[in-house]
Amino acid sequence: MSKEIKMQVTAELAVDVIPSENYEFLMTTREVANGYGVTEYAIRKNKLSLGDELTEGKHFIKGVTIGNTLANAQPHQVFWTKRGVVRLGFTMRSERAKLFRDWAEELIIRLTDQGEDFLQPIPVISSPKKRNHNRLTQDRMISILSDVAKIEDKDLRLSLISKLGVS
């Protein structure tokens, strides 16, 4: 198999792409799933649900010959083309999927503008900051309990304390 090339999507995410003479690049189902932040099963399920929107030889290929070397792949192993990666992205709805679509779009534009020189690094997209406001820290617990202590209704106060998991 042609050598896979690791490409950085975000600071935390890199995927392997396989250069291809016929398709510019290919990606395994595992790498596409990794990029979109879903399971391989989700990719296979989307492939089935999209039905005739995905065309073999255009969006994906199976048990392929990459370059002149037979890939170490099962006959039915799926490799996704750039068109397939983009088409699958239409059905993915997560923040990570959005970042991966942005990366794939940039890669495709680069392929169009620069020909085969797509190995140049694409600017890394920064991942969104994780939300921490729902975390119940010790300080937040003390603050909430001090407010709960001000409630005059004993039953309501005890109900809230039990919902917070305080004994």
C-alpha atoms as a PDB file:
ATOM      1  CA  MET A   1       0.000   0.000   0.000  1.00  0.00           C
ATOM      2  CA  SER A   2       1.222   3.494  -0.660  1.00  0.00           C
ATOM      3  CA  LYS A   3       2.528   5.157   2.446  1.00  0.00           C
ATOM      4  CA  GLU A   4      -0.060   6.866   4.588  1.00  0.00           C
ATOM      5  CA  ILE A   5       0.599  10.486   5.432  1.00  0.00           C
ATOM      6  CA  LYS A   6      -0.446  11.953   8.770  1.00  0.00           C
ATOM      7  CA  MET A   7      -2.217  15.269   8.368  1.00  0.00           C
ATOM      8  CA  GLN A   8      -3.057  17.547  11.279  1.00  0.00           C
ATOM      9  CA  VAL A   9      -6.736  18.586  11.479  1.00  0.00           C
ATOM     10  CA  THR A  10      -6.734  20.321  14.860  1.00  0.00           C
ATOM     11  CA  ALA A  11      -4.128  20.572  17.577  1.00  0.00           C
ATOM     12  CA  GLU A  12      -5.601  17.388  19.094  1.00  0.00           C
ATOM     13  CA  LEU A  13      -6.552  15.501  15.919  1.00  0.00           C
ATOM     14  CA  ALA A  14      -4.491  14.044  13.096  1.00  0.00           C
ATOM     15  CA  VAL A  15      -5.719  11.667  10.386  1.00  0.00           C
ATOM     16  CA  ASP A  16      -3.927   9.439   7.896  1.00  0.00           C
ATOM     17  CA  VAL A  17      -4.526   9.985   4.195  1.00  0.00           C
ATOM     18  CA  ILE A  18      -3.271   7.764   1.378  1.00  0.00           C
ATOM     19  CA  PRO A  19      -2.036   9.569  -1.737  1.00  0.00           C
ATOM     20  CA  SER A  20      -3.662   8.141  -4.876  1.00  0.00           C
ATOM     21  CA  GLU A  21      -3.000   8.723  -8.562  1.00  0.00           C
ATOM     22  CA  ASN A  22      -6.660   8.275  -9.471  1.00  0.00           C
ATOM     23  CA  TYR A  23      -8.358   9.989  -6.510  1.00  0.00           C
ATOM     24  CA  GLU A  24      -5.673  12.354  -5.171  1.00  0.00           C
ATOM     25  CA  PHE A  25      -6.160  10.868  -1.712  1.00  0.00           C
ATOM     26  CA  LEU A  26      -8.075   8.088   0.022  1.00  0.00           C
ATOM     27  CA  MET A  27      -9.026   7.502   3.647  1.00  0.00           C
ATOM     28  CA  THR A  28     -10.023   4.328   5.434  1.00  0.00           C
ATOM     29  CA  THR A  29     -13.376   4.157   7.183  1.00  0.00           C
ATOM     30  CA  ARG A  30     -11.493   4.155  10.488  1.00  0.00           C
ATOM     31  CA  GLU A  31      -9.735   7.432   9.664  1.00  0.00           C
ATOM     32  CA  VAL A  32     -12.934   9.103   8.401  1.00  0.00           C
ATOM     33  CA  ALA A  33     -14.724   8.038  11.596  1.00  0.00           C
ATOM     34  CA  ASN A  34     -11.821   9.354  13.651  1.00  0.00           C
ATOM     35  CA  GLY A  35     -11.990  12.666  11.794  1.00  0.00           C
ATOM     36  CA  TYR A  36     -15.713  13.088  12.307  1.00  0.00           C
ATOM     37  CA  GLY A  37     -15.544  11.905  15.919  1.00  0.00           C
ATOM     38  CA  VAL A  38     -17.921   8.996  15.363  1.00  0.00           C
ATOM     39  CA  THR A  39     -17.647   5.213  15.253  1.00  0.00           C
ATOM     40  CA  GLU A  40     -16.848   3.186  12.169  1.00  0.00           C
ATOM     41  CA  TYR A  41     -20.344   1.733  12.573  1.00  0.00           C
ATOM     42  CA  ALA A  42     -21.820   5.250  12.220  1.00  0.00           C
ATOM     43  CA  ILE A  43     -19.921   5.731   8.954  1.00  0.00           C
ATOM     44  CA  ARG A  44     -21.118   2.366   7.622  1.00  0.00           C
ATOM     45  CA  LYS A  45     -24.679   3.183   8.717  1.00  0.00           C
ATOM     46  CA  ASN A  46     -24.544   6.561   6.939  1.00  0.00           C
ATOM     47  CA  LYS A  47     -23.187   4.839   3.845  1.00  0.00           C
ATOM     48  CA  LEU A  48     -26.255   2.603   3.835  1.00  0.00           C
ATOM     49  CA  SER A  49     -28.706   5.400   4.620  1.00  0.00           C
ATOM     50  CA  LEU A  50     -27.347   7.658   1.887  1.00  0.00           C
ATOM     51  CA  GLY A  51     -27.900   4.789  -0.558  1.00  0.00           C
ATOM     52  CA  ASP A  52     -27.650   5.946  -4.152  1.00  0.00           C
ATOM     53  CA  GLU A  53     -26.160   9.324  -3.124  1.00  0.00           C
ATOM     54  CA  LEU A  54     -22.831   7.536  -2.703  1.00  0.00           C
ATOM     55  CA  THR A  55     -21.420   6.033  -5.869  1.00  0.00           C
ATOM     56  CA  GLU A  56     -18.712   3.386  -5.877  1.00  0.00           C
ATOM     57  CA  GLY A  57     -15.763   4.651  -7.896  1.00  0.00           C
ATOM     58  CA  LYS A  58     -16.673   8.261  -7.132  1.00  0.00           C
ATOM     59  CA  HIS A  59     -17.266   8.545  -3.379  1.00  0.00           C
ATOM     60  CA  PHE A  60     -15.640   5.291  -2.259  1.00  0.00           C
ATOM     61  CA  ILE A  61     -13.794   2.287  -3.619  1.00  0.00           C
ATOM     62  CA  LYS A  62     -13.376  -1.254  -2.304  1.00  0.00           C
ATOM     63  CA  GLY A  63     -10.415  -3.625  -2.038  1.00  0.00           C
ATOM     64  CA  VAL A  64      -8.360  -1.253  -4.075  1.00  0.00           C
ATOM     65  CA  THR A  65      -5.103  -1.159  -5.905  1.00  0.00           C
ATOM     66  CA  ILE A  66      -3.305   1.957  -4.792  1.00  0.00           C
ATOM     67  CA  GLY A  67      -0.641   2.951  -7.263  1.00  0.00           C
ATOM     68  CA  ASN A  68       0.774  -0.277  -8.643  1.00  0.00           C
ATOM     69  CA  THR A  69       0.687  -2.118  -5.344  1.00  0.00           C
ATOM     70  CA  LEU A  70      -2.250  -4.144  -4.092  1.00  0.00           C
ATOM     71  CA  ALA A  71      -3.374  -2.701  -0.784  1.00  0.00           C
ATOM     72  CA  ASN A  72      -3.305  -5.003   2.191  1.00  0.00           C
ATOM     73  CA  ALA A  73      -7.064  -4.757   2.302  1.00  0.00           C
ATOM     74  CA  GLN A  74      -9.956  -7.126   2.359  1.00  0.00           C
ATOM     75  CA  PRO A  75     -11.814  -7.231  -0.972  1.00  0.00           C
ATOM     76  CA  HIS A  76     -14.740  -5.324   0.532  1.00  0.00           C
ATOM     77  CA  GLN A  77     -12.746  -2.841   2.627  1.00  0.00           C
ATOM     78  CA  VAL A  78     -13.944   0.671   1.869  1.00  0.00           C
ATOM     79  CA  PHE A  79     -11.602   3.549   1.078  1.00  0.00           C
ATOM     80  CA  TRP A  80     -13.205   6.997   0.913  1.00  0.00           C
ATOM     81  CA  THR A  81     -12.334   9.504  -1.795  1.00  0.00           C
ATOM     82  CA  LYS A  82     -12.301  13.235  -1.134  1.00  0.00           C
ATOM     83  CA  ARG A  83     -15.813  13.437  -2.602  1.00  0.00           C
ATOM     84  CA  GLY A  84     -16.981  10.684  -0.261  1.00  0.00           C
ATOM     85  CA  VAL A  85     -15.467  12.348   2.793  1.00  0.00           C
ATOM     86  CA  VAL A  86     -17.307  15.556   1.922  1.00  0.00           C
ATOM     87  CA  ARG A  87     -20.605  13.791   1.114  1.00  0.00           C
ATOM     88  CA  LEU A  88     -20.504  11.894   4.420  1.00  0.00           C
ATOM     89  CA  GLY A  89     -19.888  15.197   6.179  1.00  0.00           C
ATOM     90  CA  PHE A  90     -23.318  16.441   5.159  1.00  0.00           C
ATOM     91  CA  THR A  91     -24.870  13.985   7.628  1.00  0.00           C
ATOM     92  CA  MET A  92     -22.536  14.554  10.602  1.00  0.00           C
ATOM     93  CA  ARG A  93     -23.726  17.045  13.207  1.00  0.00           C
ATOM     94  CA  SER A  94     -21.123  17.654  15.880  1.00  0.00           C
ATOM     95  CA  GLU A  95     -18.596  20.350  16.661  1.00  0.00           C
ATOM     96  CA  ARG A  96     -15.770  17.996  15.745  1.00  0.00           C
ATOM     97  CA  ALA A  97     -17.511  17.096  12.468  1.00  0.00           C
ATOM     98  CA  LYS A  98     -17.698  20.807  11.653  1.00  0.00           C
ATOM     99  CA  LEU A  99     -13.952  21.178  12.232  1.00  0.00           C
ATOM    100  CA  PHE A 100     -13.234  18.100  10.124  1.00  0.00           C
ATOM    101  CA  ARG A 101     -15.435  19.403   7.281  1.00  0.00           C
ATOM    102  CA  ASP A 102     -13.534  22.703   7.415  1.00  0.00           C
ATOM    103  CA  TRP A 103     -10.239  20.816   7.194  1.00  0.00           C
ATOM    104  CA  ALA A 104     -11.471  18.602   4.327  1.00  0.00           C
ATOM    105  CA  GLU A 105     -12.739  21.649   2.447  1.00  0.00           C
ATOM    106  CA  GLU A 106      -9.365  23.387   2.855  1.00  0.00           C
ATOM    107  CA  LEU A 107      -7.547  20.256   1.677  1.00  0.00           C
ATOM    108  CA  ILE A 108      -9.759  19.980  -1.402  1.00  0.00           C
ATOM    109  CA  ILE A 109      -9.309  23.654  -2.279  1.00  0.00           C
ATOM    110  CA  ARG A 110      -5.557  23.171  -1.908  1.00  0.00           C
ATOM    111  CA  LEU A 111      -5.683  20.148  -4.229  1.00  0.00           C
ATOM    112  CA  THR A 112      -7.569  22.206  -6.785  1.00  0.00           C
ATOM    113  CA  ASP A 113      -5.311  25.257  -6.503  1.00  0.00           C
ATOM    114  CA  GLN A 114      -1.935  23.574  -6.068  1.00  0.00           C
ATOM    115  CA  GLY A 115      -2.339  20.283  -7.889  1.00  0.00           C
ATOM    116  CA  GLU A 116      -0.550  17.406  -6.216  1.00  0.00           C
ATOM    117  CA  ASP A 117       1.245  19.584  -3.657  1.00  0.00           C
ATOM    118  CA  PHE A 118      -1.375  18.921  -0.988  1.00  0.00           C
ATOM    119  CA  LEU A 119       1.231  17.623   1.449  1.00  0.00           C
ATOM    120  CA  GLN A 120       2.034  21.157   2.544  1.00  0.00           C
ATOM    121  CA  PRO A 121       0.684  21.722   6.043  1.00  0.00           C
ATOM    122  CA  ILE A 122      -2.798  23.166   6.305  1.00  0.00           C
ATOM    123  CA  PRO A 123      -3.173  25.713   9.103  1.00  0.00           C
ATOM    124  CA  VAL A 124      -4.359  23.836  12.181  1.00  0.00           C
ATOM    125  CA  ILE A 125      -7.882  24.720  13.209  1.00  0.00           C
ATOM    126  CA  SER A 126      -8.152  25.455  16.901  1.00  0.00           C
ATOM    127  CA  SER A 127     -10.541  23.231  18.776  1.00  0.00           C
ATOM    128  CA  PRO A 128     -13.404  24.879  20.602  1.00  0.00           C
ATOM    129  CA  LYS A 129     -12.898  25.455  24.294  1.00  0.00           C
ATOM    130  CA  LYS A 130     -14.606  22.848  26.430  1.00  0.00           C
ATOM    131  CA  ARG A 131     -17.470  24.136  28.503  1.00  0.00           C
ATOM    132  CA  ASN A 132     -16.853  23.784  32.214  1.00  0.00           C
ATOM    133  CA  HIS A 133     -19.836  25.690  33.549  1.00  0.00           C
ATOM    134  CA  ASN A 134     -21.819  22.517  34.280  1.00  0.00           C
ATOM    135  CA  ARG A 135     -19.110  21.034  36.466  1.00  0.00           C
ATOM    136  CA  LEU A 136     -20.063  20.867  40.121  1.00  0.00           C
ATOM    137  CA  THR A 137     -16.850  21.887  41.847  1.00  0.00           C
ATOM    138  CA  GLN A 138     -16.448  21.957  45.601  1.00  0.00           C
ATOM    139  CA  ASP A 139     -16.690  25.767  45.621  1.00  0.00           C
ATOM    140  CA  ARG A 140     -19.909  25.697  43.564  1.00  0.00           C
ATOM    141  CA  MET A 141     -21.380  23.044  45.874  1.00  0.00           C
ATOM    142  CA  ILE A 142     -20.649  25.161  48.961  1.00  0.00           C
ATOM    143  CA  SER A 143     -22.121  28.245  47.275  1.00  0.00           C
ATOM    144  CA  ILE A 144     -25.291  26.365  46.296  1.00  0.00           C
ATOM    145  CA  LEU A 145     -25.667  24.800  49.748  1.00  0.00           C
ATOM    146  CA  SER A 146     -25.317  28.200  51.416  1.00  0.00           C
ATOM    147  CA  ASP A 147     -28.172  29.475  49.222  1.00  0.00           C
ATOM    148  CA  VAL A 148     -30.243  26.363  49.950  1.00  0.00           C
ATOM    149  CA  ALA A 149     -29.764  26.925  53.700  1.00  0.00           C
ATOM    150  CA  LYS A 150     -31.611  30.249  53.315  1.00  0.00           C
ATOM    151  CA  ILE A 151     -34.775  28.501  52.135  1.00  0.00           C
ATOM    152  CA  GLU A 152     -37.347  28.495  54.951  1.00  0.00           C
ATOM    153  CA  ASP A 153     -39.419  25.598  53.591  1.00  0.00           C
ATOM    154  CA  LYS A 154     -37.788  22.560  55.288  1.00  0.00           C
ATOM    155  CA  ASP A 155     -39.191  19.994  52.800  1.00  0.00           C
ATOM    156  CA  LEU A 156     -37.955  21.992  49.796  1.00  0.00           C
ATOM    157  CA  ARG A 157     -34.559  22.495  51.413  1.00  0.00           C
ATOM    158  CA  LEU A 158     -34.168  18.770  52.156  1.00  0.00           C
ATOM    159  CA  SER A 159     -35.333  17.870  48.641  1.00  0.00           C
ATOM    160  CA  LEU A 160     -32.724  20.125  47.036  1.00  0.00           C
ATOM    161  CA  ILE A 161     -29.972  18.820  49.307  1.00  0.00           C
ATOM    162  CA  SER A 162     -30.817  15.221  48.403  1.00  0.00           C
ATOM    163  CA  LYS A 163     -30.790  16.069  44.669  1.00  0.00           C
ATOM    164  CA  LEU A 164     -27.307  17.497  45.090  1.00  0.00           C
ATOM    165  CA  GLY A 165     -26.222  14.169  46.577  1.00  0.00           C
ATOM    166  CA  VAL A 166     -25.267  15.598  49.951  1.00  0.00           C
ATOM    167  CA  SER A 167     -25.901  13.370  52.959  1.00  0.00           C
END
